[in-house]
Amino acid sequence: MDSLLNALYNGELAPADLAPPKDPEYRAAVEKRQELTKQLLSVLSAEDAARLDDLESMYGLAGHFESRQAFSSGFSLGIRLLYEAFTGRISP
């Protein structure tokens, strides 16, 4: 990897993959969600299970867009902070 910008551009670097949550509460929440999903699937009809799968897919897709926007906003904020730190002026 010759530069971070090139790696980002070429798809070699996925910032979201670099920092999975390390908070133990995150892992516990994921495990609890999996447990509850398993319990719910055991009592749902095949049709309702498919609906649940669709719902989870839409939550995942929405989360993807939210994460992408949060990354973009955070990156922009970081650049603005650097601008102010180096120039002493408020960023435009």
N, C-alpha and C. Protein backbone atom coordinates (compact mmCIF):
# COMPACT_ATOMS: atom_id res chain seq x y z
N MET A 1 0.87 -1.17 0.00
CA MET A 1 0.00 0.00 0.00
C MET A 1 0.91 1.22 0.00
N ASP A 2 0.82 2.04 -1.07
CA ASP A 2 1.73 3.18 -1.16
C ASP A 2 1.22 4.43 -0.46
N SER A 3 -0.09 4.61 -0.32
CA SER A 3 -0.63 5.74 0.45
C SER A 3 -2.04 5.39 0.91
N LEU A 4 -2.45 6.02 1.98
CA LEU A 4 -3.79 5.78 2.49
C LEU A 4 -4.85 6.21 1.49
N LEU A 5 -4.64 7.36 0.83
CA LEU A 5 -5.63 7.83 -0.15
C LEU A 5 -5.76 6.87 -1.33
N ASN A 6 -4.63 6.36 -1.81
CA ASN A 6 -4.70 5.38 -2.90
C ASN A 6 -5.38 4.10 -2.46
N ALA A 7 -5.08 3.67 -1.26
CA ALA A 7 -5.71 2.45 -0.74
C ALA A 7 -7.22 2.64 -0.60
N LEU A 8 -7.65 3.79 -0.11
CA LEU A 8 -9.08 4.07 -0.02
C LEU A 8 -9.71 4.06 -1.40
N TYR A 9 -9.07 4.76 -2.34
CA TYR A 9 -9.60 4.86 -3.70
C TYR A 9 -9.70 3.48 -4.37
N ASN A 10 -8.69 2.65 -4.16
CA ASN A 10 -8.64 1.34 -4.81
C ASN A 10 -9.45 0.27 -4.08
N GLY A 11 -10.10 0.65 -2.99
CA GLY A 11 -10.91 -0.31 -2.25
C GLY A 11 -10.10 -1.29 -1.41
N GLU A 12 -8.83 -0.97 -1.18
CA GLU A 12 -7.97 -1.84 -0.38
C GLU A 12 -8.12 -1.57 1.11
N LEU A 13 -8.76 -0.48 1.45
CA LEU A 13 -8.89 -0.08 2.84
C LEU A 13 -10.36 0.19 3.12
N ALA A 14 -10.90 -0.53 4.08
CA ALA A 14 -12.30 -0.33 4.48
C ALA A 14 -12.29 0.09 5.94
N PRO A 15 -12.38 1.41 6.20
CA PRO A 15 -12.29 1.90 7.58
C PRO A 15 -13.24 1.21 8.55
N ALA A 16 -14.43 0.88 8.10
CA ALA A 16 -15.39 0.22 9.00
C ALA A 16 -14.88 -1.15 9.45
N ASP A 17 -14.07 -1.80 8.62
CA ASP A 17 -13.53 -3.12 8.98
C ASP A 17 -12.33 -3.02 9.92
N LEU A 18 -11.74 -1.83 10.03
CA LEU A 18 -10.55 -1.67 10.85
C LEU A 18 -10.87 -1.56 12.34
N ALA A 19 -12.07 -1.15 12.65
CA ALA A 19 -12.38 -0.87 14.06
C ALA A 19 -13.73 -1.43 14.47
N PRO A 20 -13.84 -2.76 14.51
CA PRO A 20 -15.10 -3.30 15.03
C PRO A 20 -15.24 -2.92 16.49
N PRO A 21 -16.45 -2.72 16.96
CA PRO A 21 -16.63 -2.32 18.36
C PRO A 21 -15.96 -3.30 19.33
N LYS A 22 -15.23 -2.75 20.27
CA LYS A 22 -14.54 -3.58 21.26
C LYS A 22 -15.29 -3.61 22.60
N ASP A 23 -16.33 -2.84 22.70
CA ASP A 23 -17.11 -2.77 23.93
C ASP A 23 -17.76 -4.12 24.20
N PRO A 24 -17.57 -4.70 25.38
CA PRO A 24 -18.18 -6.00 25.69
C PRO A 24 -19.71 -5.96 25.59
N GLU A 25 -20.29 -4.81 25.82
CA GLU A 25 -21.75 -4.69 25.70
C GLU A 25 -22.20 -4.90 24.25
N TYR A 26 -21.36 -4.54 23.30
CA TYR A 26 -21.69 -4.77 21.88
C TYR A 26 -21.80 -6.26 21.61
N ARG A 27 -20.80 -7.02 22.04
CA ARG A 27 -20.80 -8.47 21.82
C ARG A 27 -22.01 -9.11 22.51
N ALA A 28 -22.30 -8.66 23.73
CA ALA A 28 -23.45 -9.19 24.46
C ALA A 28 -24.75 -8.88 23.72
N ALA A 29 -24.85 -7.69 23.16
CA ALA A 29 -26.06 -7.30 22.42
C ALA A 29 -26.22 -8.15 21.16
N VAL A 30 -25.12 -8.41 20.47
CA VAL A 30 -25.18 -9.25 19.26
C VAL A 30 -25.61 -10.67 19.63
N GLU A 31 -25.05 -11.21 20.69
CA GLU A 31 -25.41 -12.56 21.11
C GLU A 31 -26.88 -12.63 21.54
N LYS A 32 -27.34 -11.62 22.24
CA LYS A 32 -28.75 -11.59 22.67
C LYS A 32 -29.67 -11.49 21.46
N ARG A 33 -29.31 -10.66 20.49
CA ARG A 33 -30.11 -10.55 19.27
C ARG A 33 -30.19 -11.90 18.55
N GLN A 34 -29.07 -12.59 18.47
CA GLN A 34 -29.06 -13.90 17.81
C GLN A 34 -29.94 -14.88 18.57
N GLU A 35 -29.86 -14.86 19.88
CA GLU A 35 -30.68 -15.75 20.70
C GLU A 35 -32.17 -15.47 20.51
N LEU A 36 -32.54 -14.20 20.56
CA LEU A 36 -33.94 -13.83 20.38
C LEU A 36 -34.46 -14.18 18.98
N THR A 37 -33.62 -13.98 17.99
CA THR A 37 -34.00 -14.33 16.62
C THR A 37 -34.24 -15.82 16.50
N LYS A 38 -33.35 -16.61 17.09
CA LYS A 38 -33.50 -18.07 17.06
C LYS A 38 -34.81 -18.49 17.73
N GLN A 39 -35.10 -17.89 18.89
CA GLN A 39 -36.34 -18.21 19.59
C GLN A 39 -37.56 -17.84 18.75
N LEU A 40 -37.52 -16.67 18.14
CA LEU A 40 -38.64 -16.23 17.32
C LEU A 40 -38.83 -17.12 16.10
N LEU A 41 -37.73 -17.49 15.46
CA LEU A 41 -37.82 -18.35 14.28
C LEU A 41 -38.43 -19.71 14.61
N SER A 42 -38.24 -20.17 15.84
CA SER A 42 -38.76 -21.48 16.22
C SER A 42 -40.29 -21.50 16.31
N VAL A 43 -40.91 -20.34 16.40
CA VAL A 43 -42.38 -20.30 16.51
C VAL A 43 -43.05 -19.66 15.30
N LEU A 44 -42.27 -19.18 14.36
CA LEU A 44 -42.85 -18.53 13.18
C LEU A 44 -43.09 -19.52 12.05
N SER A 45 -44.09 -19.20 11.26
CA SER A 45 -44.30 -19.98 10.03
C SER A 45 -43.18 -19.64 9.05
N ALA A 46 -43.04 -20.43 8.02
CA ALA A 46 -42.01 -20.18 7.01
C ALA A 46 -42.20 -18.80 6.37
N GLU A 47 -43.46 -18.43 6.13
CA GLU A 47 -43.75 -17.13 5.52
C GLU A 47 -43.34 -15.99 6.46
N ASP A 48 -43.69 -16.14 7.74
CA ASP A 48 -43.33 -15.11 8.71
C ASP A 48 -41.81 -15.05 8.94
N ALA A 49 -41.15 -16.20 8.89
CA ALA A 49 -39.69 -16.24 9.02
C ALA A 49 -39.04 -15.49 7.86
N ALA A 50 -39.61 -15.64 6.67
CA ALA A 50 -39.09 -14.92 5.51
C ALA A 50 -39.28 -13.40 5.69
N ARG A 51 -40.41 -13.02 6.26
CA ARG A 51 -40.64 -11.59 6.53
C ARG A 51 -39.63 -11.06 7.54
N LEU A 52 -39.35 -11.85 8.56
CA LEU A 52 -38.35 -11.45 9.55
C LEU A 52 -36.99 -11.29 8.90
N ASP A 53 -36.65 -12.21 8.02
CA ASP A 53 -35.38 -12.12 7.30
C ASP A 53 -35.33 -10.84 6.47
N ASP A 54 -36.43 -10.52 5.80
CA ASP A 54 -36.49 -9.28 5.01
C ASP A 54 -36.33 -8.06 5.91
N LEU A 55 -36.97 -8.08 7.07
CA LEU A 55 -36.88 -6.97 8.01
C LEU A 55 -35.43 -6.80 8.48
N GLU A 56 -34.77 -7.89 8.83
CA GLU A 56 -33.38 -7.81 9.26
C GLU A 56 -32.49 -7.29 8.14
N SER A 57 -32.77 -7.69 6.91
CA SER A 57 -32.00 -7.19 5.77
C SER A 57 -32.15 -5.69 5.61
N MET A 58 -33.36 -5.20 5.80
CA MET A 58 -33.60 -3.76 5.68
C MET A 58 -32.94 -2.99 6.82
N TYR A 59 -32.93 -3.56 8.04
CA TYR A 59 -32.21 -2.93 9.14
C TYR A 59 -30.72 -2.86 8.80
N GLY A 60 -30.19 -3.93 8.23
CA GLY A 60 -28.78 -3.95 7.84
C GLY A 60 -28.47 -2.91 6.78
N LEU A 61 -29.35 -2.81 5.78
CA LEU A 61 -29.14 -1.83 4.72
C LEU A 61 -29.20 -0.41 5.26
N ALA A 62 -30.19 -0.14 6.11
CA ALA A 62 -30.30 1.19 6.72
C ALA A 62 -29.06 1.49 7.56
N GLY A 63 -28.59 0.50 8.30
CA GLY A 63 -27.38 0.67 9.11
C GLY A 63 -26.17 0.97 8.27
N HIS A 64 -26.10 0.34 7.10
CA HIS A 64 -25.00 0.61 6.17
C HIS A 64 -24.99 2.08 5.76
N PHE A 65 -26.14 2.61 5.38
CA PHE A 65 -26.22 4.00 4.97
C PHE A 65 -25.92 4.95 6.13
N GLU A 66 -26.39 4.60 7.33
CA GLU A 66 -26.12 5.42 8.51
C GLU A 66 -24.63 5.43 8.82
N SER A 67 -23.99 4.27 8.74
CA SER A 67 -22.55 4.18 9.02
C SER A 67 -21.75 4.95 7.98
N ARG A 68 -22.15 4.85 6.73
CA ARG A 68 -21.45 5.56 5.67
C ARG A 68 -21.55 7.07 5.89
N GLN A 69 -22.74 7.55 6.25
CA GLN A 69 -22.92 8.98 6.50
C GLN A 69 -22.13 9.42 7.73
N ALA A 70 -22.12 8.61 8.78
CA ALA A 70 -21.38 8.95 9.99
C ALA A 70 -19.88 9.01 9.69
N PHE A 71 -19.38 8.08 8.89
CA PHE A 71 -17.96 8.10 8.52
C PHE A 71 -17.64 9.35 7.73
N SER A 72 -18.47 9.66 6.75
CA SER A 72 -18.25 10.83 5.91
C SER A 72 -18.27 12.11 6.74
N SER A 73 -19.25 12.23 7.62
CA SER A 73 -19.36 13.41 8.47
C SER A 73 -18.17 13.53 9.42
N GLY A 74 -17.75 12.40 10.00
CA GLY A 74 -16.61 12.40 10.89
C GLY A 74 -15.32 12.76 10.17
N PHE A 75 -15.16 12.25 8.97
CA PHE A 75 -13.98 12.56 8.17
C PHE A 75 -13.94 14.05 7.85
N SER A 76 -15.07 14.60 7.44
CA SER A 76 -15.15 16.03 7.13
C SER A 76 -14.84 16.88 8.37
N LEU A 77 -15.38 16.48 9.50
CA LEU A 77 -15.11 17.20 10.74
C LEU A 77 -13.61 17.16 11.06
N GLY A 78 -13.00 16.01 10.87
CA GLY A 78 -11.56 15.89 11.12
C GLY A 78 -10.75 16.82 10.23
N ILE A 79 -11.13 16.92 8.97
CA ILE A 79 -10.43 17.81 8.04
C ILE A 79 -10.61 19.27 8.48
N ARG A 80 -11.82 19.61 8.89
CA ARG A 80 -12.08 20.98 9.34
C ARG A 80 -11.27 21.29 10.61
N LEU A 81 -11.16 20.33 11.52
CA LEU A 81 -10.36 20.53 12.72
C LEU A 81 -8.88 20.74 12.37
N LEU A 82 -8.38 19.94 11.44
CA LEU A 82 -6.99 20.11 11.01
C LEU A 82 -6.78 21.47 10.36
N TYR A 83 -7.71 21.89 9.54
CA TYR A 83 -7.62 23.20 8.89
C TYR A 83 -7.50 24.29 9.94
N GLU A 84 -8.39 24.24 10.93
CA GLU A 84 -8.36 25.27 11.99
C GLU A 84 -7.06 25.17 12.80
N ALA A 85 -6.58 23.96 13.06
CA ALA A 85 -5.38 23.79 13.86
C ALA A 85 -4.15 24.34 13.11
N PHE A 86 -4.08 24.12 11.80
CA PHE A 86 -2.93 24.55 11.04
C PHE A 86 -2.98 26.02 10.62
N THR A 87 -4.18 26.55 10.41
CA THR A 87 -4.28 27.93 9.92
C THR A 87 -4.66 28.91 11.01
N GLY A 88 -5.26 28.44 12.08
CA GLY A 88 -5.75 29.33 13.13
C GLY A 88 -7.04 30.04 12.73
N ARG A 89 -7.61 29.64 11.60
CA ARG A 89 -8.85 30.25 11.14
C ARG A 89 -9.97 29.23 11.18
N ILE A 90 -11.18 29.72 11.37
CA ILE A 90 -12.36 28.85 11.36
C ILE A 90 -12.58 28.36 9.94
N SER A 91 -12.80 27.07 9.79
CA SER A 91 -12.98 26.50 8.46
C SER A 91 -14.26 27.01 7.82
N PRO A 92 -14.21 27.11 6.49
CA PRO A 92 -15.41 27.60 5.76
C PRO A 92 -16.56 26.64 5.85
